[in-house]
Protein backbone atom coordinates (compact mmCIF):
# COMPACT_ATOMS: atom_id res chain seq x y z
CA UNK A 1 87.94 130.35 114.64
CA UNK A 2 88.66 127.04 116.36
CA UNK A 3 90.60 124.63 114.20
CA UNK A 4 90.42 120.91 114.69
CA UNK A 5 93.36 118.72 115.64
CA UNK A 6 95.73 118.18 112.79
CA UNK A 7 95.28 121.61 111.24
CA UNK A 8 98.36 123.73 110.66
CA UNK A 9 96.52 127.02 111.13
CA UNK A 10 97.66 127.57 114.69
CA UNK A 11 101.29 126.64 113.99
CA UNK A 12 103.77 129.48 113.56
CA UNK A 13 104.58 130.32 109.94
CA UNK A 14 108.11 128.88 110.22
CA UNK A 15 106.74 125.55 111.50
CA UNK A 16 104.23 125.42 108.62
CA UNK A 17 107.07 125.92 106.11
CA UNK A 18 109.16 123.22 107.76
CA UNK A 19 106.19 120.84 107.82
CA UNK A 20 105.50 121.59 104.15
CA UNK A 21 109.14 120.76 103.38
CA UNK A 22 108.74 117.45 105.18
CA UNK A 23 105.58 116.62 103.24
CA UNK A 24 107.18 117.40 99.88
CA UNK A 25 110.41 115.54 100.71
CA UNK A 26 108.77 112.43 102.11
CA UNK A 27 106.19 112.34 99.31
CA UNK A 28 109.06 112.43 96.81
CA UNK A 29 110.79 109.65 98.75
CA UNK A 30 107.61 107.59 98.71
CA UNK A 31 107.27 108.08 94.95
CA UNK A 32 110.93 107.17 94.41
CA UNK A 33 110.66 103.95 96.42
CA UNK A 34 107.32 103.08 94.80
CA UNK A 35 108.82 103.62 91.34
CA UNK A 36 111.78 101.37 92.21
CA UNK A 37 109.42 98.66 93.44
CA UNK A 38 107.17 99.06 90.40
CA UNK A 39 109.98 98.88 87.85
CA UNK A 40 112.38 96.50 89.60
CA UNK A 41 110.05 94.37 91.68
CA UNK A 42 111.10 92.92 94.98
CA UNK A 43 114.72 92.77 93.78
CA UNK A 44 114.87 96.46 92.78
CA UNK A 45 117.83 96.96 95.10
CA UNK A 46 119.40 93.57 94.28
CA UNK A 47 123.00 94.78 94.34
CA UNK A 48 122.65 95.87 97.98
CA UNK A 49 122.84 93.65 101.08
CA UNK A 50 119.54 92.01 102.02
CA UNK A 51 118.99 94.12 105.15
CA UNK A 52 119.46 97.31 103.13
CA UNK A 53 117.01 96.00 100.50
CA UNK A 54 114.45 95.37 103.24
CA UNK A 55 115.04 98.85 104.66
CA UNK A 56 114.58 100.51 101.26
CA UNK A 57 111.31 98.64 100.74
CA UNK A 58 110.19 99.51 104.28
CA UNK A 59 110.89 103.17 103.49
CA UNK A 60 107.81 103.03 101.26
CA UNK A 61 105.73 102.63 104.43
CA UNK A 62 107.80 104.99 106.59
CA UNK A 63 107.73 107.77 103.98
CA UNK A 64 103.95 107.51 103.59
CA UNK A 65 103.45 107.40 107.36
CA UNK A 66 105.66 110.46 107.84
CA UNK A 67 103.57 112.37 105.28
CA UNK A 68 100.31 111.43 107.01
CA UNK A 69 101.58 112.23 110.51
CA UNK A 70 103.03 115.59 109.46
CA UNK A 71 99.86 116.55 107.58
CA UNK A 72 97.86 115.72 110.71
CA UNK A 73 100.36 117.71 112.80
CA UNK A 74 100.90 114.70 115.05
CA UNK A 75 103.74 114.95 117.58
CA UNK A 76 104.83 111.50 116.38
CA UNK A 77 105.62 112.89 112.91
CA UNK A 78 108.97 114.64 113.47
CA UNK A 79 110.60 111.78 115.45
CA UNK A 80 109.48 109.26 112.83
CA UNK A 81 110.74 111.55 110.08
CA UNK A 82 114.13 111.94 111.76
CA UNK A 83 114.52 108.19 112.31
CA UNK A 84 113.45 107.42 108.74
CA UNK A 85 115.88 109.93 107.24
CA UNK A 86 118.73 108.79 109.45
CA UNK A 87 118.16 105.19 108.35
CA UNK A 88 117.63 106.04 104.67
CA UNK A 89 120.60 108.39 104.36
CA UNK A 90 122.89 106.03 106.29
CA UNK A 91 121.91 103.10 104.08
CA UNK A 92 122.45 105.14 100.93
CA UNK A 93 125.86 106.30 102.12
CA UNK A 94 126.77 102.74 103.13
CA UNK A 95 125.95 101.33 99.71
CA UNK A 96 127.42 104.18 97.65
CA UNK A 97 130.52 105.05 99.69
CA UNK A 98 132.98 102.87 97.75
CA UNK A 99 131.94 104.36 94.40
CA UNK A 100 131.82 107.85 95.86
CA UNK A 101 135.41 107.48 97.11
CA UNK A 102 136.48 106.64 93.55
CA UNK A 103 134.31 109.22 91.73
CA UNK A 104 133.24 111.99 94.16
CA UNK A 105 132.21 114.52 91.50
CA UNK A 106 129.71 112.06 90.08
CA UNK A 107 127.55 112.64 93.16
CA UNK A 108 127.22 116.41 92.72
CA UNK A 109 123.96 116.00 90.83
CA UNK A 110 120.40 117.04 91.77
CA UNK A 111 119.27 113.45 92.37
CA UNK A 112 120.49 110.50 94.39
CA UNK A 113 122.86 110.88 97.31
CA UNK A 114 123.18 114.69 97.37
CA UNK A 115 119.47 115.55 97.85
CA UNK A 116 118.99 112.61 100.23
CA UNK A 117 121.86 113.94 102.34
CA UNK A 118 120.66 117.56 102.23
CA UNK A 119 117.08 116.60 103.06
CA UNK A 120 118.32 114.32 105.84
CA UNK A 121 120.32 117.17 107.39
CA UNK A 122 117.27 119.47 107.08
CA UNK A 123 115.05 116.91 108.85
CA UNK A 124 117.57 116.13 111.58
CA UNK A 125 118.17 119.83 112.31
CA UNK A 126 114.47 120.76 112.37
CA UNK A 127 112.88 117.65 113.93
CA UNK A 128 113.23 118.67 117.59
CA UNK A 129 112.00 122.25 117.12
CA UNK A 130 109.08 121.05 114.97
CA UNK A 131 108.21 118.38 117.53
CA UNK A 132 108.30 120.94 120.35
CA UNK A 133 106.07 123.33 118.39
CA UNK A 134 103.52 120.64 117.55
CA UNK A 135 103.56 119.13 121.04
CA UNK A 136 103.15 122.53 122.71
CA UNK A 137 99.96 123.27 120.78
CA UNK A 138 98.49 119.78 121.25
CA UNK A 139 96.92 120.29 124.72
CA UNK A 140 95.17 123.46 123.55
CA UNK A 141 93.80 121.67 120.46
CA UNK A 142 92.63 118.72 122.58
CA UNK A 143 90.95 121.05 125.06
CA UNK A 144 89.22 123.00 122.25
CA UNK A 145 87.90 119.79 120.67
CA UNK A 146 86.56 118.64 124.07
CA UNK A 147 84.75 121.97 124.49
CA UNK A 148 83.10 121.54 121.08
CA UNK A 149 81.90 118.03 121.90
């Protein structure tokens, strides 16, 4: 059976699990940033520096784009995901570092900085292998779609 471009069927099982983890994580990030915007408006991150506020609002777009690109199995997905997580995790650490230095145990909870950090490490460790897997299958998928046309 020939699968069209963007299908995960011809990806190895490990790559499908990694991609599914990306989709879940970035969808959750999108929902989190959307909720913040919905409940707090444009000043939802008002205590943070302006550039960080802009980044957190831009993450709404980057998270959604990462989900779409990963679902489509686009080679652009993993690099975008890695850049987005690096920016998001760095900004969160930047804004929360002073409080974390004073109260480190407060951050050992299943929301906030801990899952952002863990997901960021997961994305950064798996982005290159996932990119290589998706990119390696791309020429075969393009050739198959040309043969069907």
